[in-house]
Structures are given as structure tokens and as C-alpha cells.
Amino acid sequence: MSIPEPVGFTDEGSDVAPSVRTFTVLTVNTHKGFTALNRRFILPELREAVRSVAADVVFLQEVHGTHEHHHKRYSNWPTMPQYEFLADSLWPQFAYGRNAVYPDGDHGNALLSKFQIIRHDNLDVSISGHENRGLLHCVLRLPGDGAEIHAICVHLGLRESHRNAQLKLLGERLAELPDDAPVIVAGDFNDWRQRADALLKPCGLREVFAEHHGKPARSFPARLPTLRLDRIYVRNLKASQPKVLANRPWSHLSDHAPLSVEIEL
């Protein structure tokens, strides 16, 4: 995780910046920087698209930490981890949760933030013998009054029985937090059967698209979204203007359409 000067303080370190009460959240499955079916490496284009949203907090799934051989094949492969490349100069804070490790490298979830990340940990929710999955739990400190937000980046399994077990682990993590703690849970739930909302309701989570439009957003496949796989949940927060970013260039930058929403304390 990067350790820049804490966000929300002046150069002198004494005057507190104005409190942040609203901010934008974006979640996107980066598909490891490739287009659907891995036909083309487009991470630089994806970075420009992510920058154009100007989100304050970005939840990333399927992002490479390292890969030993791709730089030999792709001339535009970054010399740094993909999440750091995407963070660039807009998101001074970032955290990475490594989920899958293989001989050539690793990938997992990441969170980019304009706000200070005061701590983070990666909860392994893998089912033995199957896909490696994790929940990246970060605690953000907002400028000004120092409000803390819990941000959990999620990538769940492809089998419903695995997802149910992983959602139970997510619920256990949420139960450890104070009842009044502001929480955002976002990412790729792979929940095409739309079972997660009911399972997470006892945890106090509200899905922002279901709250505004009656159902979670269609986000997969990106070029013609039909399946409702990606979600943004909140607790003790207000959400407005939920959007599916399904038009160009997004429709050609991953196999998932990103989701965004405005959050208010």
C-alpha cells in the first residue's frame, strides 16, 4: 500500500481540510487488463476511462499484482502492478488483496482511494480445491472531521453453493463492525440468480440499484448486459444516481460494465 502524506491536511499538517460529506464510488472488474475473450490488452485505455469518471473510491476485481511473462508479449505492459498503474496520480492511496497465485504471477482485488486508507486486510473466502477468492476490507478516513468508512471489495465464486458460503463469511465480517459504522460493499458477486440481496439484508446492507430501480443492475456481458452480476451495497449511508457504464468506451474495455454511485454520509 502506498504511504503518501495523509489526505485532508495542508502542507503544514495543522489545518484540517473541509469535511467531505459526499463522494463517488466506481466498481469495475478489469478482466486483468484485457478485452472480452482476451483478444487485446487495453489497460492503458481502461486507465483513461477510469480517470474520466473522477471517482473518489474505485473498487477493482481481477487485477494483476505481478506477471512474469506478459511484458515480453505486450509492449505496453506496465512496469508496476496493474492497480498502481491504474491509480496513477489521481488516487494517492491504494490497497491490494492477492487472491490467486500461480507460477507466472498473481491477481486479486484492489481499492484506489483519494482518501486515506488507515488499515486494510484481505479475507480469504476460497473454497478448498476451487477458485481463489477474497474480500479486501479497507477502512478509509475522510478529510475534515475524520469520518471512517468501511469499504469491502468483493469477488465471489461461480458456483451458488460457494457464493452462499462466501456471503456467510462476509456477513460474519460485517457483524464484527459497530452497528452504526458506514459501510460500502462492492464488486463482482457473480450472482446471476439474484440471491445475494436477501442473504445480505439481515446484515443491514441495501443494494443501491435495487433500492432505486427495483433490481440490481445488468452488467454482463459488457457489450450487451443481460446478467446482474455486479453490485454496490451500503449501510448507514445514502446513495443516489446509480449508473451502469455500458456505452463506449466501457463496452469494449472489459467483459463487465462498471457501476458508479454517489454516496452521502
Protein backbone atom coordinates (compact mmCIF):
# COMPACT_ATOMS: atom_id res chain seq x y z
CA MET A 1 0.00 0.00 0.00
CA SER A 2 1.27 3.47 -0.80
CA ILE A 3 2.07 5.74 2.13
CA PRO A 4 1.73 9.34 0.90
CA GLU A 5 1.07 12.30 3.13
CA PRO A 6 -2.36 11.76 4.75
CA VAL A 7 -5.22 13.16 2.70
CA GLY A 8 -7.12 16.00 4.32
CA PHE A 9 -4.24 18.02 5.78
CA THR A 10 -2.39 21.03 4.48
CA ASP A 11 1.35 21.05 3.88
CA GLU A 12 1.80 22.44 7.37
CA GLY A 13 -0.12 19.47 8.80
CA SER A 14 -2.11 21.62 11.23
CA ASP A 15 -5.19 22.95 9.43
CA VAL A 16 -7.93 20.43 8.81
CA ALA A 17 -9.47 20.49 5.32
CA PRO A 18 -13.23 20.91 4.88
CA SER A 19 -15.19 17.79 5.73
CA VAL A 20 -16.18 15.52 2.85
CA ARG A 21 -19.85 14.53 3.04
CA THR A 22 -20.41 13.23 -0.49
CA PHE A 23 -18.21 11.22 -2.82
CA THR A 24 -18.36 8.97 -5.89
CA VAL A 25 -17.77 5.22 -5.96
CA LEU A 26 -16.89 3.14 -9.02
CA THR A 27 -16.60 -0.65 -9.25
CA VAL A 28 -15.15 -2.50 -12.24
CA ASN A 29 -13.95 -6.00 -12.99
CA THR A 30 -10.81 -5.19 -15.01
CA HIS A 31 -10.54 -8.67 -16.56
CA LYS A 32 -6.77 -8.42 -15.91
CA GLY A 33 -6.50 -5.56 -18.40
CA PHE A 34 -7.83 -7.48 -21.42
CA THR A 35 -10.92 -7.19 -23.57
CA ALA A 36 -13.52 -9.95 -23.53
CA LEU A 37 -12.08 -13.31 -24.65
CA ASN A 38 -8.58 -11.86 -24.01
CA ARG A 39 -8.30 -10.60 -27.56
CA ARG A 40 -6.44 -7.38 -26.77
CA PHE A 41 -4.53 -5.84 -23.86
CA ILE A 42 -6.22 -2.50 -23.13
CA LEU A 43 -5.12 -1.49 -19.63
CA PRO A 44 -3.89 1.99 -20.75
CA GLU A 45 -7.29 2.70 -22.35
CA LEU A 46 -9.03 1.39 -19.24
CA ARG A 47 -6.98 3.75 -17.09
CA GLU A 48 -8.11 6.75 -19.14
CA ALA A 49 -11.73 5.66 -18.87
CA VAL A 50 -11.47 5.19 -15.10
CA ARG A 51 -9.84 8.62 -14.79
CA SER A 52 -12.69 10.20 -16.77
CA VAL A 53 -15.23 9.19 -14.11
CA ALA A 54 -13.24 11.07 -11.45
CA ALA A 55 -14.49 8.68 -8.76
CA ASP A 56 -13.13 9.17 -5.26
CA VAL A 57 -13.02 5.46 -4.45
CA VAL A 58 -12.55 2.70 -7.03
CA PHE A 59 -13.20 -0.98 -6.35
CA LEU A 60 -11.27 -3.29 -8.71
CA GLN A 61 -11.60 -7.01 -9.28
CA GLU A 62 -9.39 -9.35 -11.33
CA VAL A 63 -6.40 -7.03 -11.29
CA HIS A 64 -2.85 -8.31 -11.70
CA GLY A 65 -0.29 -7.78 -8.98
CA THR A 66 2.51 -9.41 -10.97
CA HIS A 67 3.01 -11.43 -14.12
CA GLU A 68 6.44 -12.66 -15.14
CA HIS A 69 5.96 -13.08 -18.89
CA HIS A 70 3.29 -10.70 -20.19
CA HIS A 71 5.79 -7.85 -20.54
CA LYS A 72 7.59 -9.90 -23.21
CA ARG A 73 4.40 -10.29 -25.22
CA TYR A 74 2.78 -6.87 -24.76
CA SER A 75 4.87 -3.77 -25.38
CA ASN A 76 2.53 -1.60 -23.30
CA TRP A 77 2.57 -3.89 -20.24
CA PRO A 78 3.26 -1.65 -17.20
CA THR A 79 6.45 -2.00 -15.18
CA MET A 80 4.41 -1.72 -11.94
CA PRO A 81 1.44 -3.68 -10.57
CA GLN A 82 -1.74 -3.05 -12.52
CA TYR A 83 -3.53 -1.45 -9.56
CA GLU A 84 -0.65 1.01 -9.11
CA PHE A 85 -0.68 1.78 -12.84
CA LEU A 86 -4.42 2.47 -12.67
CA ALA A 87 -4.02 4.61 -9.55
CA ASP A 88 -1.51 6.85 -11.36
CA SER A 89 -1.56 10.33 -9.82
CA LEU A 90 -5.31 10.58 -9.13
CA TRP A 91 -5.58 8.06 -6.30
CA PRO A 92 -2.68 8.54 -3.88
CA GLN A 93 -3.78 5.63 -1.70
CA PHE A 94 -4.30 2.04 -2.77
CA ALA A 95 -4.51 -1.43 -1.30
CA TYR A 96 -4.25 -4.86 -2.90
CA GLY A 97 -5.57 -8.23 -1.80
CA ARG A 98 -3.84 -11.12 -3.55
CA ASN A 99 -6.29 -13.96 -4.17
CA ALA A 100 -4.93 -16.22 -6.92
CA VAL A 101 -1.25 -17.17 -7.10
CA TYR A 102 0.23 -19.20 -9.97
CA PRO A 103 3.70 -19.82 -11.42
CA ASP A 104 3.65 -16.69 -13.63
CA GLY A 105 2.12 -14.22 -11.18
CA ASP A 106 -0.95 -13.33 -9.16
CA HIS A 107 -4.21 -11.40 -9.27
CA GLY A 108 -6.87 -10.26 -6.85
CA ASN A 109 -8.93 -7.28 -5.69
CA ALA A 110 -7.71 -3.73 -5.22
CA LEU A 111 -9.05 -0.44 -3.93
CA LEU A 112 -7.94 3.01 -5.11
CA SER A 113 -8.78 5.97 -2.89
CA LYS A 114 -8.42 9.73 -2.81
CA PHE A 115 -8.92 9.40 0.94
CA GLN A 116 -6.50 7.98 3.46
CA ILE A 117 -6.57 4.19 3.88
CA ILE A 118 -5.80 3.77 7.56
CA ARG A 119 -5.79 -0.02 7.51
CA HIS A 120 -6.72 -2.95 5.31
CA ASP A 121 -6.74 -6.72 5.29
CA ASN A 122 -7.68 -9.44 2.82
CA LEU A 123 -10.09 -12.12 3.99
CA ASP A 124 -9.58 -15.43 2.18
CA VAL A 125 -13.00 -16.84 1.28
CA SER A 126 -11.75 -19.51 -1.11
CA ILE A 127 -13.47 -22.89 -1.14
CA SER A 128 -10.83 -25.61 -0.88
CA GLY A 129 -9.91 -27.06 -4.25
CA HIS A 130 -11.74 -24.41 -6.26
CA GLU A 131 -11.31 -20.77 -7.33
CA ASN A 132 -9.31 -18.50 -5.06
CA ARG A 133 -11.49 -15.62 -3.86
CA GLY A 134 -11.14 -12.84 -1.30
CA LEU A 135 -12.78 -9.88 0.41
CA LEU A 136 -10.49 -6.84 0.57
CA HIS A 137 -11.57 -4.83 3.63
CA CYS A 138 -10.25 -1.27 3.83
CA VAL A 139 -11.00 1.45 6.35
CA LEU A 140 -10.97 4.96 4.86
CA ARG A 141 -10.61 8.21 6.77
CA LEU A 142 -12.35 11.15 5.13
CA PRO A 143 -10.86 14.65 5.29
CA GLY A 144 -12.07 17.17 7.84
CA ASP A 145 -13.92 15.52 10.68
CA GLY A 146 -12.13 12.21 10.12
CA ALA A 147 -15.22 10.11 9.45
CA GLU A 148 -14.30 6.47 8.85
CA ILE A 149 -15.83 4.38 6.06
CA HIS A 150 -15.51 0.61 5.75
CA ALA A 151 -15.02 -0.36 2.09
CA ILE A 152 -15.10 -4.05 1.18
CA CYS A 153 -14.16 -5.11 -2.35
CA VAL A 154 -15.75 -8.43 -3.30
CA HIS A 155 -15.21 -11.11 -5.94
CA LEU A 156 -17.30 -14.23 -5.30
CA GLY A 157 -17.25 -17.69 -6.84
CA LEU A 158 -19.06 -19.04 -9.87
CA ARG A 159 -20.98 -21.77 -8.02
CA GLU A 160 -24.02 -20.81 -5.97
CA SER A 161 -23.05 -23.04 -3.05
CA HIS A 162 -19.65 -21.33 -2.95
CA ARG A 163 -21.23 -17.87 -3.09
CA ASN A 164 -23.58 -18.73 -0.25
CA ALA A 165 -20.63 -19.79 1.91
CA GLN A 166 -18.71 -16.66 0.95
CA LEU A 167 -21.68 -14.41 1.68
CA LYS A 168 -21.91 -16.02 5.10
CA LEU A 169 -18.27 -15.10 5.72
CA LEU A 170 -19.00 -11.55 4.54
CA GLY A 171 -21.90 -11.41 6.99
CA GLU A 172 -19.62 -12.54 9.80
CA ARG A 173 -17.15 -9.79 8.96
CA LEU A 174 -19.95 -7.20 8.93
CA ALA A 175 -21.21 -8.45 12.30
CA GLU A 176 -17.82 -7.58 13.79
CA LEU A 177 -18.28 -3.90 12.90
CA PRO A 178 -20.13 -1.35 15.04
CA ASP A 179 -23.83 -1.18 14.19
CA ASP A 180 -23.52 2.48 13.20
CA ALA A 181 -20.37 2.10 11.06
CA PRO A 182 -20.78 3.39 7.47
CA VAL A 183 -20.12 0.51 5.06
CA ILE A 184 -19.79 0.10 1.29
CA VAL A 185 -19.55 -3.39 -0.22
CA ALA A 186 -18.98 -3.50 -3.96
CA GLY A 187 -17.68 -5.77 -6.66
CA ASP A 188 -18.35 -8.82 -8.78
CA PHE A 189 -20.80 -11.07 -6.93
CA ASN A 190 -21.39 -13.45 -9.88
CA ASP A 191 -24.93 -13.58 -8.52
CA TRP A 192 -26.85 -14.23 -11.71
CA ARG A 193 -29.64 -15.93 -9.71
CA GLN A 194 -30.09 -12.73 -7.64
CA ARG A 195 -29.95 -14.40 -4.23
CA ALA A 196 -27.42 -12.10 -2.52
CA ASP A 197 -29.83 -9.27 -1.64
CA ALA A 198 -31.98 -11.49 0.58
CA LEU A 199 -28.95 -13.13 2.20
CA LEU A 200 -27.35 -9.76 3.00
CA LYS A 201 -30.49 -7.94 4.14
CA PRO A 202 -30.13 -9.19 7.76
CA CYS A 203 -26.68 -7.52 7.74
CA GLY A 204 -28.34 -4.15 7.09
CA LEU A 205 -26.99 -3.85 3.55
CA ARG A 206 -29.06 -2.17 0.82
CA GLU A 207 -28.22 -2.66 -2.85
CA VAL A 208 -28.24 0.77 -4.49
CA PHE A 209 -29.68 -0.23 -7.88
CA ALA A 210 -32.36 -2.42 -6.30
CA GLU A 211 -33.25 0.47 -3.99
CA HIS A 212 -33.66 2.92 -6.88
CA HIS A 213 -34.79 0.67 -9.76
CA GLY A 214 -36.22 -2.43 -8.13
CA LYS A 215 -33.47 -4.81 -9.26
CA PRO A 216 -29.67 -4.96 -9.36
CA ALA A 217 -28.05 -3.59 -12.50
CA ARG A 218 -27.45 -5.59 -15.67
CA SER A 219 -23.67 -5.60 -16.05
CA PHE A 220 -22.58 -8.70 -18.02
CA PRO A 221 -21.54 -9.12 -20.76
CA ALA A 222 -20.41 -5.54 -21.19
CA ARG A 223 -21.40 -5.18 -24.86
CA LEU A 224 -24.98 -6.26 -24.23
CA PRO A 225 -25.57 -6.54 -20.47
CA THR A 226 -28.18 -9.12 -19.55
CA LEU A 227 -26.94 -10.70 -16.30
CA ARG A 228 -27.00 -8.87 -12.96
CA LEU A 229 -23.57 -9.88 -11.62
CA ASP A 230 -22.07 -6.72 -10.09
CA ARG A 231 -23.37 -4.93 -7.02
CA ILE A 232 -22.92 -1.92 -4.76
CA TYR A 233 -24.31 -2.25 -1.23
CA VAL A 234 -24.37 0.39 1.50
CA ARG A 235 -25.12 0.52 5.22
CA ASN A 236 -25.62 3.71 7.25
CA LEU A 237 -25.09 5.75 4.07
CA LYS A 238 -27.30 7.42 1.47
CA ALA A 239 -26.89 6.54 -2.20
CA SER A 240 -28.04 8.40 -5.30
CA GLN A 241 -27.54 8.48 -9.07
CA PRO A 242 -26.60 4.82 -9.60
CA LYS A 243 -25.32 4.31 -13.14
CA VAL A 244 -24.30 1.42 -15.38
CA LEU A 245 -21.41 2.47 -17.65
CA ALA A 246 -22.32 0.30 -20.63
CA ASN A 247 -21.61 2.63 -23.56
CA ARG A 248 -18.33 3.14 -25.38
CA PRO A 249 -15.54 3.08 -24.41
CA TRP A 250 -16.63 0.90 -21.47
CA SER A 251 -18.38 -1.71 -23.59
CA HIS A 252 -15.03 -2.54 -25.20
CA LEU A 253 -12.75 -2.38 -22.17
CA SER A 254 -13.76 -5.44 -20.12
CA ASP A 255 -16.32 -8.22 -20.04
CA HIS A 256 -18.17 -6.42 -17.21
CA ALA A 257 -19.83 -3.00 -17.37
CA PRO A 258 -18.70 -0.82 -14.43
CA LEU A 259 -21.16 0.60 -11.90
CA SER A 260 -21.00 4.01 -10.20
CA VAL A 261 -22.98 5.76 -7.48
CA GLU A 262 -22.92 8.94 -5.41
CA ILE A 263 -22.56 8.34 -1.67
CA GLU A 264 -23.61 10.73 1.10
CA LEU A 265 -22.87 10.43 4.80
